[in-house]
Amino acid sequence: MSIENLKVMPQIKKTVLLTLLLFVSACGYQLRGSIDLPEGLKSIYLQNASAQLQKTMKKTLKSSGGQLVDKVEQAGLIVQVIKEKMDRRVLSLSSTGRASEYEIIYQLEFNLLDAERKALSKTQKIEITKDYFNNQEEVLGKDNEERVIRDEMYRRAVQSIVNRSRVVLENLER
């Protein structure tokens, strides 16, 4: 290989990489968890929420160009959590009397308030359920599976909060 060929290789790599980036951005690709936020949802204050819901909301907003603010005064929208509950119940038992299938239920009730703390809509309710098989032989793996399921339920709840908030804000603008 000649010296000229070695000098051209980095340029070709850069050109190929730039072309791939253009194709990916042109097709509308977004990172997982990323949401296109309207201006009213760029800063949200989450009141009375669990640590896990706050963590998930913060992560989602950050990846979408928004932020979860620490003070009500900084918020464009206030999400006031009225009730938040995560339950697990047994769906079926094995022949030895141990739980072989569980159902996880996440319930959330919240109000959407504007910066002046006026209600923007009636109380919103979300209920997410998921069931999974509990193999008695793989106890550690099942604990991890349940944690992953719960994390996904929080992500779905945050997505739902943001989508419902978007609809409420769009209806107010009309």
Protein backbone atom coordinates (compact mmCIF):
# COMPACT_ATOMS: atom_id res chain seq x y z
CA MET A 1 0.00 0.00 0.00
CA SER A 2 1.37 3.39 -0.91
CA ILE A 3 1.66 6.40 1.40
CA GLU A 4 -1.01 8.29 -0.59
CA ASN A 5 -3.49 5.47 0.01
CA LEU A 6 -2.83 5.59 3.76
CA LYS A 7 -3.53 9.35 3.80
CA VAL A 8 -6.82 8.91 1.94
CA MET A 9 -8.20 6.19 4.30
CA PRO A 10 -9.09 8.51 7.23
CA GLN A 11 -10.92 10.84 4.83
CA ILE A 12 -12.96 7.95 3.45
CA LYS A 13 -13.85 6.81 6.98
CA LYS A 14 -14.97 10.33 7.90
CA THR A 15 -17.05 10.59 4.72
CA VAL A 16 -18.75 7.25 5.36
CA LEU A 17 -19.44 8.17 9.00
CA LEU A 18 -20.88 11.57 8.02
CA THR A 19 -23.10 9.91 5.40
CA LEU A 20 -24.41 7.39 7.94
CA LEU A 21 -25.15 10.17 10.43
CA LEU A 22 -27.10 12.08 7.78
CA PHE A 23 -29.17 9.01 6.91
CA VAL A 24 -29.95 8.28 10.57
CA SER A 25 -31.00 11.86 11.30
CA ALA A 26 -33.07 12.07 8.10
CA CYS A 27 -35.16 9.02 8.98
CA GLY A 28 -36.38 10.57 12.26
CA TYR A 29 -34.37 8.32 14.56
CA GLN A 30 -34.53 9.29 18.25
CA LEU A 31 -32.84 7.83 21.27
CA ARG A 32 -35.02 5.50 23.34
CA GLY A 33 -36.90 7.48 25.96
CA SER A 34 -36.51 10.69 23.99
CA ILE A 35 -39.69 12.71 23.45
CA ASP A 36 -40.29 15.80 21.36
CA LEU A 37 -41.32 18.29 24.06
CA PRO A 38 -43.36 21.43 23.43
CA GLU A 39 -42.20 24.58 25.22
CA GLY A 40 -44.74 24.21 28.05
CA LEU A 41 -43.22 20.86 29.01
CA LYS A 42 -39.55 21.89 29.03
CA SER A 43 -39.60 22.43 32.80
CA ILE A 44 -41.78 20.23 35.01
CA TYR A 45 -42.14 20.13 38.78
CA LEU A 46 -43.18 16.72 40.13
CA GLN A 47 -44.95 17.02 43.49
CA ASN A 48 -45.48 14.12 45.98
CA ALA A 49 -43.99 11.48 43.67
CA SER A 50 -41.94 8.44 44.64
CA ALA A 51 -38.18 8.55 44.20
CA GLN A 52 -38.38 6.07 41.32
CA LEU A 53 -40.99 8.10 39.42
CA GLN A 54 -38.92 11.25 39.92
CA LYS A 55 -35.76 9.49 38.73
CA THR A 56 -37.50 8.19 35.61
CA MET A 57 -39.12 11.56 34.86
CA LYS A 58 -35.79 13.35 35.28
CA LYS A 59 -34.03 10.92 32.95
CA THR A 60 -36.75 11.16 30.29
CA LEU A 61 -36.89 14.95 30.39
CA LYS A 62 -33.11 15.25 30.26
CA SER A 63 -32.88 13.01 27.18
CA SER A 64 -35.60 15.14 25.55
CA GLY A 65 -34.10 18.56 26.19
CA GLY A 66 -36.27 19.34 29.22
CA GLN A 67 -35.66 19.33 32.93
CA LEU A 68 -37.26 18.30 36.18
CA VAL A 69 -37.01 21.43 38.33
CA ASP A 70 -36.52 21.55 42.10
CA LYS A 71 -38.76 24.56 42.80
CA VAL A 72 -42.37 25.17 41.84
CA GLU A 73 -41.49 28.71 40.74
CA GLN A 74 -39.22 27.37 37.97
CA ALA A 75 -41.88 25.09 36.46
CA GLY A 76 -43.92 25.62 33.34
CA LEU A 77 -46.10 22.68 34.42
CA ILE A 78 -46.73 21.08 37.81
CA VAL A 79 -47.59 17.40 38.03
CA GLN A 80 -49.23 16.91 41.42
CA VAL A 81 -49.28 13.22 42.36
CA ILE A 82 -52.37 12.38 44.41
CA LYS A 83 -51.93 8.61 44.64
CA GLU A 84 -49.13 6.31 43.57
CA LYS A 85 -49.16 2.60 44.32
CA MET A 86 -47.18 -0.42 43.14
CA ASP A 87 -48.67 -3.81 44.06
CA ARG A 88 -47.83 -7.42 43.33
CA ARG A 89 -50.31 -10.24 43.60
CA VAL A 90 -50.14 -13.97 43.04
CA LEU A 91 -51.96 -15.21 39.94
CA SER A 92 -51.26 -18.92 40.23
CA LEU A 93 -49.63 -21.46 42.52
CA SER A 94 -47.44 -24.44 41.75
CA SER A 95 -48.25 -27.95 42.96
CA THR A 96 -46.04 -27.30 46.01
CA GLY A 97 -48.03 -24.21 46.96
CA ARG A 98 -45.47 -21.64 45.83
CA ALA A 99 -46.32 -18.68 43.62
CA SER A 100 -45.64 -19.55 40.00
CA GLU A 101 -47.11 -16.44 38.38
CA TYR A 102 -47.35 -12.85 39.59
CA GLU A 103 -49.10 -9.73 38.42
CA ILE A 104 -47.58 -6.30 39.09
CA ILE A 105 -50.02 -3.40 39.19
CA TYR A 106 -48.92 0.25 39.09
CA GLN A 107 -51.57 2.89 39.78
CA LEU A 108 -51.06 6.62 39.51
CA GLU A 109 -53.45 9.52 39.98
CA PHE A 110 -52.30 13.07 39.31
CA ASN A 111 -53.40 16.59 38.54
CA LEU A 112 -51.86 18.91 35.98
CA LEU A 113 -51.41 22.46 37.22
CA ASP A 114 -50.08 25.57 35.52
CA ALA A 115 -47.40 27.86 36.99
CA GLU A 116 -50.07 29.68 39.05
CA ARG A 117 -51.23 26.32 40.45
CA LYS A 118 -54.56 26.36 38.63
CA ALA A 119 -55.89 22.97 37.52
CA LEU A 120 -55.57 22.43 33.77
CA SER A 121 -57.72 19.30 33.63
CA LYS A 122 -59.61 16.87 35.80
CA THR A 123 -57.67 14.26 37.76
CA GLN A 124 -55.79 11.85 35.48
CA LYS A 125 -55.53 8.13 36.26
CA ILE A 126 -53.04 5.61 34.93
CA GLU A 127 -53.04 1.89 35.60
CA ILE A 128 -50.38 -0.39 34.16
CA THR A 129 -50.38 -4.14 34.74
CA LYS A 130 -47.90 -6.82 33.80
CA ASP A 131 -47.76 -10.47 34.73
CA TYR A 132 -44.77 -12.79 34.66
CA PHE A 133 -43.90 -16.40 35.35
CA ASN A 134 -41.94 -17.09 38.55
CA ASN A 135 -39.57 -20.02 37.97
CA GLN A 136 -38.60 -21.37 41.43
CA GLU A 137 -35.23 -22.57 40.07
CA GLU A 138 -34.05 -19.10 38.98
CA VAL A 139 -34.71 -16.91 42.02
CA LEU A 140 -31.99 -14.32 41.32
CA GLY A 141 -32.97 -13.96 37.69
CA LYS A 142 -36.61 -13.46 38.61
CA ASP A 143 -35.77 -10.70 41.10
CA ASN A 144 -33.90 -8.93 38.31
CA GLU A 145 -36.79 -9.54 35.89
CA GLU A 146 -39.25 -7.97 38.31
CA ARG A 147 -37.00 -4.91 38.73
CA VAL A 148 -36.79 -4.52 34.94
CA ILE A 149 -40.58 -4.84 34.65
CA ARG A 150 -41.10 -2.18 37.33
CA ASP A 151 -38.62 0.17 35.61
CA GLU A 152 -40.48 -0.28 32.33
CA MET A 153 -43.79 0.45 34.07
CA TYR A 154 -42.37 3.73 35.39
CA ARG A 155 -41.14 4.63 31.88
CA ARG A 156 -44.59 3.93 30.45
CA ALA A 157 -46.19 6.05 33.18
CA VAL A 158 -43.85 8.97 32.46
CA GLN A 159 -44.58 8.66 28.72
CA SER A 160 -48.28 8.74 29.50
CA ILE A 161 -47.92 11.79 31.78
CA VAL A 162 -46.02 13.67 29.08
CA ASN A 163 -48.46 12.68 26.33
CA ARG A 164 -51.51 13.64 28.39
CA SER A 165 -49.85 16.91 29.37
CA ARG A 166 -49.15 17.67 25.73
CA VAL A 167 -52.82 17.11 24.82
CA VAL A 168 -54.03 19.31 27.69
CA LEU A 169 -51.65 22.13 26.71
CA GLU A 170 -52.60 21.88 23.02
CA ASN A 171 -56.31 22.10 23.93
CA LEU A 172 -55.67 25.21 26.03
CA GLU A 173 -53.97 26.94 23.10
CA ARG A 174 -57.03 26.45 20.86
